Amino acid sequence: REAAQHGNIYAQGHLVEYYYNRKFYSTAAAVAKRITDHDDINKLAK
């Protein structure tokens, strides 16, 4: 969560997986939607 708050996309992806597996589907979908709105991988990495 701390890494995700600071923009770590890999951490955010694993939080989506955690929420999905815990059946928090609305939260998983909402977080996933925010992540997938990003379309410039290299810019995010920088």
All heavy atoms as atom14 arrays in JSON, in Angstrom:
{
  "sequence": "REAAQHGNIYAQGHLVEYYYNRKFYSTAAAVAKRITDHDDINKLAK",
  "atom14_mask": [
    [1, 1, 1, 1, 1, 1, 1, 1, 1, 1, 1, 0, 0, 0],
    [1, 1, 1, 1, 1, 1, 1, 1, 1, 0, 0, 0, 0, 0],
    [1, 1, 1, 1, 1, 0, 0, 0, 0, 0, 0, 0, 0, 0],
    [1, 1, 1, 1, 1, 0, 0, 0, 0, 0, 0, 0, 0, 0],
    [1, 1, 1, 1, 1, 1, 1, 1, 1, 0, 0, 0, 0, 0],
    [1, 1, 1, 1, 1, 1, 1, 1, 1, 1, 0, 0, 0, 0],
    [1, 1, 1, 1, 0, 0, 0, 0, 0, 0, 0, 0, 0, 0],
    [1, 1, 1, 1, 1, 1, 1, 1, 0, 0, 0, 0, 0, 0],
    [1, 1, 1, 1, 1, 1, 1, 1, 0, 0, 0, 0, 0, 0],
    [1, 1, 1, 1, 1, 1, 1, 1, 1, 1, 1, 1, 0, 0],
    [1, 1, 1, 1, 1, 0, 0, 0, 0, 0, 0, 0, 0, 0],
    [1, 1, 1, 1, 1, 1, 1, 1, 1, 0, 0, 0, 0, 0],
    [1, 1, 1, 1, 0, 0, 0, 0, 0, 0, 0, 0, 0, 0],
    [1, 1, 1, 1, 1, 1, 1, 1, 1, 1, 0, 0, 0, 0],
    [1, 1, 1, 1, 1, 1, 1, 1, 0, 0, 0, 0, 0, 0],
    [1, 1, 1, 1, 1, 1, 1, 0, 0, 0, 0, 0, 0, 0],
    [1, 1, 1, 1, 1, 1, 1, 1, 1, 0, 0, 0, 0, 0],
    [1, 1, 1, 1, 1, 1, 1, 1, 1, 1, 1, 1, 0, 0],
    [1, 1, 1, 1, 1, 1, 1, 1, 1, 1, 1, 1, 0, 0],
    [1, 1, 1, 1, 1, 1, 1, 1, 1, 1, 1, 1, 0, 0],
    [1, 1, 1, 1, 1, 1, 1, 1, 0, 0, 0, 0, 0, 0],
    [1, 1, 1, 1, 1, 1, 1, 1, 1, 1, 1, 0, 0, 0],
    [1, 1, 1, 1, 1, 1, 1, 1, 1, 0, 0, 0, 0, 0],
    [1, 1, 1, 1, 1, 1, 1, 1, 1, 1, 1, 0, 0, 0],
    [1, 1, 1, 1, 1, 1, 1, 1, 1, 1, 1, 1, 0, 0],
    [1, 1, 1, 1, 1, 1, 0, 0, 0, 0, 0, 0, 0, 0],
    [1, 1, 1, 1, 1, 1, 1, 0, 0, 0, 0, 0, 0, 0],
    [1, 1, 1, 1, 1, 0, 0, 0, 0, 0, 0, 0, 0, 0],
    [1, 1, 1, 1, 1, 0, 0, 0, 0, 0, 0, 0, 0, 0],
    [1, 1, 1, 1, 1, 0, 0, 0, 0, 0, 0, 0, 0, 0],
    [1, 1, 1, 1, 1, 1, 1, 0, 0, 0, 0, 0, 0, 0],
    [1, 1, 1, 1, 1, 0, 0, 0, 0, 0, 0, 0, 0, 0],
    [1, 1, 1, 1, 1, 1, 1, 1, 1, 0, 0, 0, 0, 0],
    [1, 1, 1, 1, 1, 1, 1, 1, 1, 1, 1, 0, 0, 0],
    [1, 1, 1, 1, 1, 1, 1, 1, 0, 0, 0, 0, 0, 0],
    [1, 1, 1, 1, 1, 1, 1, 0, 0, 0, 0, 0, 0, 0],
    [1, 1, 1, 1, 1, 1, 1, 1, 0, 0, 0, 0, 0, 0],
    [1, 1, 1, 1, 1, 1, 1, 1, 1, 1, 0, 0, 0, 0],
    [1, 1, 1, 1, 1, 1, 1, 1, 0, 0, 0, 0, 0, 0],
    [1, 1, 1, 1, 1, 1, 1, 1, 0, 0, 0, 0, 0, 0],
    [1, 1, 1, 1, 1, 1, 1, 1, 0, 0, 0, 0, 0, 0],
    [1, 1, 1, 1, 1, 1, 1, 1, 0, 0, 0, 0, 0, 0],
    [1, 1, 1, 1, 1, 1, 1, 1, 1, 0, 0, 0, 0, 0],
    [1, 1, 1, 1, 1, 1, 1, 1, 0, 0, 0, 0, 0, 0],
    [1, 1, 1, 1, 1, 0, 0, 0, 0, 0, 0, 0, 0, 0],
    [1, 1, 1, 1, 1, 1, 1, 1, 1, 0, 0, 0, 0, 0]
  ],
  "atom14_positions": [
    [[0.82, -1.22, 0.0], [0.0, 0.0, 0.0], [0.85, 1.26, 0.0], [0.54, 2.23, -0.71], [-0.94, -0.02, 1.21], [-2.13, -0.95, 1.0], [-2.95, -1.15, 2.25], [-4.13, -1.96, 1.99], [-4.79, -2.65, 2.91], [-4.38, -2.62, 4.19], [-5.85, -3.37, 2.59], [0.0, 0.0, 0.0], [0.0, 0.0, 0.0], [0.0, 0.0, 0.0]],
    [[1.93, 1.25, 0.77], [2.79, 2.43, 0.79], [3.48, 2.62, -0.56], [3.56, 3.74, -1.08], [3.84, 2.33, 1.9], [4.64, 3.62, 2.06], [5.5, 3.65, 3.31], [5.3, 2.8, 4.21], [6.39, 4.51, 3.37], [0.0, 0.0, 0.0], [0.0, 0.0, 0.0], [0.0, 0.0, 0.0], [0.0, 0.0, 0.0], [0.0, 0.0, 0.0]],
    [[3.96, 1.52, -1.14], [4.6, 1.6, -2.45], [3.59, 2.06, -3.51], [3.91, 2.89, -4.36], [5.2, 0.25, -2.84], [0.0, 0.0, 0.0], [0.0, 0.0, 0.0], [0.0, 0.0, 0.0], [0.0, 0.0, 0.0], [0.0, 0.0, 0.0], [0.0, 0.0, 0.0], [0.0, 0.0, 0.0], [0.0, 0.0, 0.0], [0.0, 0.0, 0.0]],
    [[2.38, 1.51, -3.43], [1.33, 1.88, -4.38], [0.98, 3.36, -4.28], [0.78, 4.03, -5.29], [0.09, 1.02, -4.14], [0.0, 0.0, 0.0], [0.0, 0.0, 0.0], [0.0, 0.0, 0.0], [0.0, 0.0, 0.0], [0.0, 0.0, 0.0], [0.0, 0.0, 0.0], [0.0, 0.0, 0.0], [0.0, 0.0, 0.0], [0.0, 0.0, 0.0]],
    [[0.92, 3.88, -3.06], [0.6, 5.29, -2.86], [1.63, 6.2, -3.48], [1.32, 7.33, -3.88], [0.47, 5.59, -1.36], [-0.81, 5.05, -0.73], [-0.81, 5.16, 0.79], [0.13, 5.7, 1.39], [-1.86, 4.65, 1.41], [0.0, 0.0, 0.0], [0.0, 0.0, 0.0], [0.0, 0.0, 0.0], [0.0, 0.0, 0.0], [0.0, 0.0, 0.0]],
    [[2.86, 5.71, -3.58], [3.94, 6.51, -4.16], [4.14, 6.21, -5.65], [5.14, 6.64, -6.24], [5.24, 6.29, -3.39], [5.25, 6.94, -2.04], [4.8, 6.28, -0.9], [5.61, 8.18, -1.64], [4.91, 7.09, 0.14], [5.39, 8.25, -0.27], [0.0, 0.0, 0.0], [0.0, 0.0, 0.0], [0.0, 0.0, 0.0], [0.0, 0.0, 0.0]],
    [[3.21, 5.45, -6.24], [3.21, 5.26, -7.68], [3.79, 3.97, -8.2], [3.93, 3.81, -9.42], [0.0, 0.0, 0.0], [0.0, 0.0, 0.0], [0.0, 0.0, 0.0], [0.0, 0.0, 0.0], [0.0, 0.0, 0.0], [0.0, 0.0, 0.0], [0.0, 0.0, 0.0], [0.0, 0.0, 0.0], [0.0, 0.0, 0.0], [0.0, 0.0, 0.0]],
    [[4.12, 3.01, -7.32], [4.66, 1.73, -7.79], [3.54, 0.91, -8.42], [2.66, 0.39, -7.73], [5.29, 0.98, -6.61], [5.99, -0.3, -7.04], [5.48, -1.06, -7.86], [7.15, -0.56, -6.46], [0.0, 0.0, 0.0], [0.0, 0.0, 0.0], [0.0, 0.0, 0.0], [0.0, 0.0, 0.0], [0.0, 0.0, 0.0], [0.0, 0.0, 0.0]],
    [[3.56, 0.8, -9.76], [2.49, 0.12, -10.49], [2.5, -1.39, -10.24], [1.44, -2.04, -10.21], [2.61, 0.41, -12.01], [2.59, 1.92, -12.26], [1.47, -0.27, -12.77], [1.32, 2.61, -11.86], [0.0, 0.0, 0.0], [0.0, 0.0, 0.0], [0.0, 0.0, 0.0], [0.0, 0.0, 0.0], [0.0, 0.0, 0.0], [0.0, 0.0, 0.0]],
    [[3.68, -1.96, -10.08], [3.79, -3.4, -9.79], [3.09, -3.71, -8.46], [2.35, -4.69, -8.36], [5.27, -3.79, -9.72], [5.55, -5.26, -9.55], [5.17, -6.18, -10.51], [6.22, -5.73, -8.42], [5.45, -7.52, -10.37], [6.52, -7.08, -8.26], [6.13, -7.97, -9.23], [6.41, -9.32, -9.09], [0.0, 0.0, 0.0], [0.0, 0.0, 0.0]],
    [[3.28, -2.86, -7.46], [2.6, -3.04, -6.18], [1.1, -2.88, -6.34], [0.31, -3.64, -5.77], [3.13, -2.03, -5.16], [0.0, 0.0, 0.0], [0.0, 0.0, 0.0], [0.0, 0.0, 0.0], [0.0, 0.0, 0.0], [0.0, 0.0, 0.0], [0.0, 0.0, 0.0], [0.0, 0.0, 0.0], [0.0, 0.0, 0.0], [0.0, 0.0, 0.0]],
    [[0.68, -1.91, -7.14], [-0.75, -1.7, -7.38], [-1.39, -2.92, -8.03], [-2.5, -3.32, -7.68], [-0.94, -0.45, -8.24], [-0.56, 0.84, -7.55], [-0.63, 2.05, -8.47], [-1.27, 2.01, -9.52], [0.03, 3.13, -8.09], [0.0, 0.0, 0.0], [0.0, 0.0, 0.0], [0.0, 0.0, 0.0], [0.0, 0.0, 0.0], [0.0, 0.0, 0.0]],
    [[-0.67, -3.52, -9.0], [-1.18, -4.72, -9.66], [-1.39, -5.86, -8.69], [-2.4, -6.58, -8.76], [0.0, 0.0, 0.0], [0.0, 0.0, 0.0], [0.0, 0.0, 0.0], [0.0, 0.0, 0.0], [0.0, 0.0, 0.0], [0.0, 0.0, 0.0], [0.0, 0.0, 0.0], [0.0, 0.0, 0.0], [0.0, 0.0, 0.0], [0.0, 0.0, 0.0]],
    [[-0.45, -6.02, -7.76], [-0.59, -7.1, -6.78], [-1.69, -6.8, -5.77], [-2.32, -7.74, -5.25], [0.75, -7.35, -6.08], [1.66, -8.24, -6.87], [1.53, -9.62, -6.86], [2.68, -7.96, -7.7], [2.44, -10.14, -7.66], [3.14, -9.17, -8.19], [0.0, 0.0, 0.0], [0.0, 0.0, 0.0], [0.0, 0.0, 0.0], [0.0, 0.0, 0.0]],
    [[-1.95, -5.54, -5.5], [-3.08, -5.21, -4.63], [-4.4, -5.56, -5.32], [-5.33, -6.05, -4.67], [-3.06, -3.72, -4.28], [-2.07, -3.32, -3.18], [-2.05, -1.8, -3.02], [-2.43, -3.97, -1.85], [0.0, 0.0, 0.0], [0.0, 0.0, 0.0], [0.0, 0.0, 0.0], [0.0, 0.0, 0.0], [0.0, 0.0, 0.0], [0.0, 0.0, 0.0]],
    [[-4.47, -5.33, -6.64], [-5.66, -5.74, -7.39], [-5.88, -7.24, -7.22], [-7.0, -7.7, -6.96], [-5.52, -5.39, -8.89], [-6.63, -6.05, -9.71], [-5.55, -3.88, -9.09], [0.0, 0.0, 0.0], [0.0, 0.0, 0.0], [0.0, 0.0, 0.0], [0.0, 0.0, 0.0], [0.0, 0.0, 0.0], [0.0, 0.0, 0.0], [0.0, 0.0, 0.0]],
    [[-4.81, -8.02, -7.39], [-4.91, -9.47, -7.23], [-5.37, -9.85, -5.83], [-6.23, -10.73, -5.65], [-3.56, -10.11, -7.54], [-3.57, -11.63, -7.45], [-2.28, -12.23, -7.96], [-1.23, -12.03, -7.31], [-2.32, -12.9, -9.01], [0.0, 0.0, 0.0], [0.0, 0.0, 0.0], [0.0, 0.0, 0.0], [0.0, 0.0, 0.0], [0.0, 0.0, 0.0]],
    [[-4.81, -9.18, -4.82], [-5.19, -9.45, -3.42], [-6.67, -9.16, -3.21], [-7.41, -9.98, -2.63], [-4.33, -8.61, -2.48], [-4.74, -8.72, -1.03], [-4.36, -9.83, -0.26], [-5.52, -7.74, -0.43], [-4.75, -9.94, 1.07], [-5.91, -7.84, 0.9], [-5.53, -8.95, 1.64], [-5.91, -9.07, 2.96], [0.0, 0.0, 0.0], [0.0, 0.0, 0.0]],
    [[-7.13, -8.0, -3.66], [-8.55, -7.63, -3.48], [-9.46, -8.61, -4.21], [-10.51, -9.0, -3.68], [-8.8, -6.2, -3.98], [-8.09, -5.13, -3.19], [-7.5, -4.04, -3.82], [-8.02, -5.19, -1.8], [-6.85, -3.05, -3.1], [-7.36, -4.2, -1.06], [-6.77, -3.14, -1.73], [-6.13, -2.16, -1.01], [0.0, 0.0, 0.0], [0.0, 0.0, 0.0]],
    [[-9.07, -9.01, -5.41], [-9.89, -9.96, -6.18], [-9.98, -11.29, -5.44], [-11.07, -11.86, -5.3], [-9.28, -10.15, -7.57], [-10.1, -11.06, -8.46], [-11.02, -10.53, -9.37], [-9.96, -12.44, -8.4], [-11.77, -11.37, -10.18], [-10.72, -13.28, -9.2], [-11.62, -12.74, -10.08], [-12.38, -13.57, -10.88], [0.0, 0.0, 0.0], [0.0, 0.0, 0.0]],
    [[-8.84, -11.8, -4.99], [-8.84, -13.09, -4.29], [-9.6, -13.06, -2.98], [-10.14, -14.09, -2.55], [-7.39, -13.55, -4.06], [-6.71, -13.98, -5.34], [-7.36, -14.38, -6.3], [-5.39, -13.9, -5.36], [0.0, 0.0, 0.0], [0.0, 0.0, 0.0], [0.0, 0.0, 0.0], [0.0, 0.0, 0.0], [0.0, 0.0, 0.0], [0.0, 0.0, 0.0]],
    [[-9.68, -11.88, -2.37], [-10.46, -11.74, -1.13], [-11.93, -11.44, -1.42], [-12.7, -11.21, -0.5], [-9.86, -10.61, -0.28], [-8.48, -10.92, 0.33], [-8.53, -12.04, 1.35], [-9.43, -11.73, 2.46], [-9.05, -11.08, 3.56], [-7.8, -10.68, 3.7], [-9.92, -10.84, 4.53], [0.0, 0.0, 0.0], [0.0, 0.0, 0.0], [0.0, 0.0, 0.0]],
    [[-12.29, -11.43, -2.71], [-13.65, -11.18, -3.19], [-14.12, -9.74, -2.96], [-15.32, -9.46, -2.9], [-14.65, -12.17, -2.56], [-14.31, -13.63, -2.83], [-15.42, -14.56, -2.36], [-15.06, -16.03, -2.42], [-14.33, -16.46, -3.61], [0.0, 0.0, 0.0], [0.0, 0.0, 0.0], [0.0, 0.0, 0.0], [0.0, 0.0, 0.0], [0.0, 0.0, 0.0]],
    [[-13.15, -8.81, -2.87], [-13.49, -7.39, -2.83], [-13.51, -6.9, -4.28], [-12.67, -6.11, -4.72], [-12.45, -6.61, -2.02], [-12.29, -7.08, -0.59], [-11.07, -6.99, 0.05], [-13.37, -7.59, 0.12], [-10.91, -7.4, 1.36], [-13.23, -8.0, 1.44], [-12.0, -7.91, 2.06], [0.0, 0.0, 0.0], [0.0, 0.0, 0.0], [0.0, 0.0, 0.0]],
    [[-14.48, -7.4, -5.03], [-14.47, -7.2, -6.47], [-14.62, -5.75, -6.9], [-13.97, -5.31, -7.86], [-15.56, -8.06, -7.12], [-15.39, -9.54, -6.87], [-16.4, -10.28, -6.25], [-14.23, -10.19, -7.27], [-16.25, -11.65, -6.03], [-14.07, -11.55, -7.05], [-15.09, -12.27, -6.43], [-14.92, -13.62, -6.19], [0.0, 0.0, 0.0], [0.0, 0.0, 0.0]],
    [[-15.46, -5.0, -6.23], [-15.65, -3.59, -6.6], [-14.36, -2.81, -6.42], [-13.99, -1.98, -7.27], [-16.76, -2.95, -5.76], [-18.01, -3.57, -6.03], [0.0, 0.0, 0.0], [0.0, 0.0, 0.0], [0.0, 0.0, 0.0], [0.0, 0.0, 0.0], [0.0, 0.0, 0.0], [0.0, 0.0, 0.0], [0.0, 0.0, 0.0], [0.0, 0.0, 0.0]],
    [[-13.67, -3.07, -5.31], [-12.39, -2.39, -5.05], [-11.35, -2.83, -6.07], [-10.62, -1.99, -6.62], [-11.89, -2.72, -3.63], [-12.87, -2.31, -2.68], [-10.58, -2.0, -3.34], [0.0, 0.0, 0.0], [0.0, 0.0, 0.0], [0.0, 0.0, 0.0], [0.0, 0.0, 0.0], [0.0, 0.0, 0.0], [0.0, 0.0, 0.0], [0.0, 0.0, 0.0]],
    [[-11.29, -4.13, -6.34], [-10.32, -4.65, -7.32], [-10.54, -4.0, -8.68], [-9.58, -3.56, -9.34], [-10.45, -6.17, -7.44], [0.0, 0.0, 0.0], [0.0, 0.0, 0.0], [0.0, 0.0, 0.0], [0.0, 0.0, 0.0], [0.0, 0.0, 0.0], [0.0, 0.0, 0.0], [0.0, 0.0, 0.0], [0.0, 0.0, 0.0], [0.0, 0.0, 0.0]],
    [[-11.8, -3.92, -9.11], [-12.11, -3.35, -10.42], [-11.79, -1.86, -10.47], [-11.25, -1.37, -11.47], [-13.57, -3.59, -10.75], [0.0, 0.0, 0.0], [0.0, 0.0, 0.0], [0.0, 0.0, 0.0], [0.0, 0.0, 0.0], [0.0, 0.0, 0.0], [0.0, 0.0, 0.0], [0.0, 0.0, 0.0], [0.0, 0.0, 0.0], [0.0, 0.0, 0.0]],
    [[-12.09, -1.14, -9.39], [-11.84, 0.3, -9.36], [-10.35, 0.61, -9.42], [-9.91, 1.49, -10.17], [-12.47, 0.92, -8.1], [0.0, 0.0, 0.0], [0.0, 0.0, 0.0], [0.0, 0.0, 0.0], [0.0, 0.0, 0.0], [0.0, 0.0, 0.0], [0.0, 0.0, 0.0], [0.0, 0.0, 0.0], [0.0, 0.0, 0.0], [0.0, 0.0, 0.0]],
    [[-9.56, -0.12, -8.64], [-8.11, 0.08, -8.64], [-7.53, -0.31, -9.99], [-6.68, 0.39, -10.55], [-7.44, -0.72, -7.5], [-5.92, -0.6, -7.59], [-7.93, -0.23, -6.14], [0.0, 0.0, 0.0], [0.0, 0.0, 0.0], [0.0, 0.0, 0.0], [0.0, 0.0, 0.0], [0.0, 0.0, 0.0], [0.0, 0.0, 0.0], [0.0, 0.0, 0.0]],
    [[-7.99, -1.44, -10.52], [-7.51, -1.91, -11.83], [-7.8, -0.91, -12.93], [-6.98, -0.68, -13.82], [-8.13, -3.26, -12.17], [0.0, 0.0, 0.0], [0.0, 0.0, 0.0], [0.0, 0.0, 0.0], [0.0, 0.0, 0.0], [0.0, 0.0, 0.0], [0.0, 0.0, 0.0], [0.0, 0.0, 0.0], [0.0, 0.0, 0.0], [0.0, 0.0, 0.0]],
    [[-8.98, -0.29, -12.88], [-9.35, 0.7, -13.9], [-8.4, 1.89, -13.87], [-7.98, 2.38, -14.93], [-10.79, 1.17, -13.67], [-11.3, 2.14, -14.73], [-11.4, 1.49, -16.1], [-12.05, 2.37, -17.13], [-11.29, 3.59, -17.43], [0.0, 0.0, 0.0], [0.0, 0.0, 0.0], [0.0, 0.0, 0.0], [0.0, 0.0, 0.0], [0.0, 0.0, 0.0]],
    [[-8.04, 2.35, -12.67], [-7.11, 3.48, -12.56], [-5.75, 3.12, -13.14], [-5.11, 3.92, -13.82], [-6.96, 3.91, -11.1], [-8.17, 4.64, -10.54], [-7.82, 5.41, -9.29], [-7.35, 4.56, -8.21], [-8.13, 4.0, -7.31], [-9.44, 4.17, -7.36], [-7.62, 3.26, -6.34], [0.0, 0.0, 0.0], [0.0, 0.0, 0.0], [0.0, 0.0, 0.0]],
    [[-5.31, 1.88, -12.87], [-4.0, 1.45, -13.36], [-4.0, 1.35, -14.88], [-3.08, 1.8, -15.55], [-3.61, 0.09, -12.75], [-3.49, 0.19, -11.23], [-2.3, -0.42, -13.35], [-3.35, -1.15, -10.53], [0.0, 0.0, 0.0], [0.0, 0.0, 0.0], [0.0, 0.0, 0.0], [0.0, 0.0, 0.0], [0.0, 0.0, 0.0], [0.0, 0.0, 0.0]],
    [[-5.05, 0.75, -15.43], [-5.09, 0.51, -16.88], [-5.34, 1.78, -17.68], [-5.23, 1.76, -18.9], [-6.14, -0.55, -17.24], [-7.41, -0.16, -16.69], [-5.75, -1.91, -16.67], [0.0, 0.0, 0.0], [0.0, 0.0, 0.0], [0.0, 0.0, 0.0], [0.0, 0.0, 0.0], [0.0, 0.0, 0.0], [0.0, 0.0, 0.0], [0.0, 0.0, 0.0]],
    [[-5.68, 2.88, -17.02], [-5.81, 4.16, -17.71], [-4.44, 4.67, -18.17], [-4.37, 5.52, -19.06], [-6.47, 5.21, -16.81], [-7.98, 5.02, -16.72], [-8.54, 4.31, -17.59], [-8.6, 5.55, -15.78], [0.0, 0.0, 0.0], [0.0, 0.0, 0.0], [0.0, 0.0, 0.0], [0.0, 0.0, 0.0], [0.0, 0.0, 0.0], [0.0, 0.0, 0.0]],
    [[-3.36, 4.17, -17.54], [-2.01, 4.57, -17.94], [-1.65, 3.9, -19.26], [-1.82, 2.69, -19.41], [-0.99, 4.16, -16.87], [-1.2, 4.82, -15.54], [-1.13, 6.18, -15.36], [-1.47, 4.29, -14.31], [-1.35, 6.47, -14.1], [-1.56, 5.36, -13.43], [0.0, 0.0, 0.0], [0.0, 0.0, 0.0], [0.0, 0.0, 0.0], [0.0, 0.0, 0.0]],
    [[-1.12, 4.65, -20.19], [-0.77, 4.05, -21.48], [0.68, 4.28, -21.89], [1.09, 3.83, -22.96], [-1.71, 4.57, -22.59], [-1.69, 6.09, -22.7], [-0.88, 6.73, -22.01], [-2.49, 6.63, -23.48], [0.0, 0.0, 0.0], [0.0, 0.0, 0.0], [0.0, 0.0, 0.0], [0.0, 0.0, 0.0], [0.0, 0.0, 0.0], [0.0, 0.0, 0.0]],
    [[1.46, 4.96, -21.06], [2.87, 5.21, -21.38], [3.74, 4.55, -20.31], [4.06, 5.16, -19.29], [3.14, 6.71, -21.47], [4.5, 7.01, -22.09], [5.41, 6.17, -21.96], [4.66, 8.1, -22.68], [0.0, 0.0, 0.0], [0.0, 0.0, 0.0], [0.0, 0.0, 0.0], [0.0, 0.0, 0.0], [0.0, 0.0, 0.0], [0.0, 0.0, 0.0]],
    [[4.14, 3.29, -20.57], [4.91, 2.52, -19.61], [6.26, 3.17, -19.31], [6.67, 3.28, -18.14], [5.13, 1.08, -20.13], [3.8, 0.36, -20.34], [6.03, 0.29, -19.17], [2.97, 0.19, -19.1], [0.0, 0.0, 0.0], [0.0, 0.0, 0.0], [0.0, 0.0, 0.0], [0.0, 0.0, 0.0], [0.0, 0.0, 0.0], [0.0, 0.0, 0.0]],
    [[6.95, 3.63, -20.34], [8.28, 4.22, -20.15], [8.22, 5.51, -19.35], [9.11, 5.78, -18.53], [8.95, 4.46, -21.5], [9.37, 3.17, -22.16], [9.79, 2.22, -21.49], [9.26, 3.1, -23.47], [0.0, 0.0, 0.0], [0.0, 0.0, 0.0], [0.0, 0.0, 0.0], [0.0, 0.0, 0.0], [0.0, 0.0, 0.0], [0.0, 0.0, 0.0]],
    [[7.18, 6.29, -19.56], [7.02, 7.53, -18.8], [6.79, 7.21, -17.33], [7.38, 7.85, -16.43], [5.85, 8.34, -19.36], [5.64, 9.68, -18.65], [4.48, 10.45, -19.27], [4.24, 11.77, -18.54], [3.09, 12.52, -19.13], [0.0, 0.0, 0.0], [0.0, 0.0, 0.0], [0.0, 0.0, 0.0], [0.0, 0.0, 0.0], [0.0, 0.0, 0.0]],
    [[5.94, 6.23, -17.05], [5.68, 5.82, -15.67], [6.96, 5.31, -15.01], [7.23, 5.61, -13.84], [4.62, 4.71, -15.64], [3.16, 5.13, -15.74], [2.29, 3.9, -15.87], [2.76, 5.94, -14.52], [0.0, 0.0, 0.0], [0.0, 0.0, 0.0], [0.0, 0.0, 0.0], [0.0, 0.0, 0.0], [0.0, 0.0, 0.0], [0.0, 0.0, 0.0]],
    [[7.73, 4.53, -15.75], [8.98, 3.99, -15.22], [9.94, 5.11, -14.85], [10.61, 5.07, -13.81], [9.62, 3.05, -16.24], [0.0, 0.0, 0.0], [0.0, 0.0, 0.0], [0.0, 0.0, 0.0], [0.0, 0.0, 0.0], [0.0, 0.0, 0.0], [0.0, 0.0, 0.0], [0.0, 0.0, 0.0], [0.0, 0.0, 0.0], [0.0, 0.0, 0.0]],
    [[10.0, 6.13, -15.7], [10.9, 7.25, -15.45], [10.46, 8.05, -14.23], [11.27, 8.44, -13.39], [10.95, 8.15, -16.69], [12.01, 9.24, -16.62], [12.11, 9.99, -17.95], [13.22, 11.04, -17.87], [13.37, 11.77, -19.16], [0.0, 0.0, 0.0], [0.0, 0.0, 0.0], [0.0, 0.0, 0.0], [0.0, 0.0, 0.0], [0.0, 0.0, 0.0]]
  ]
}
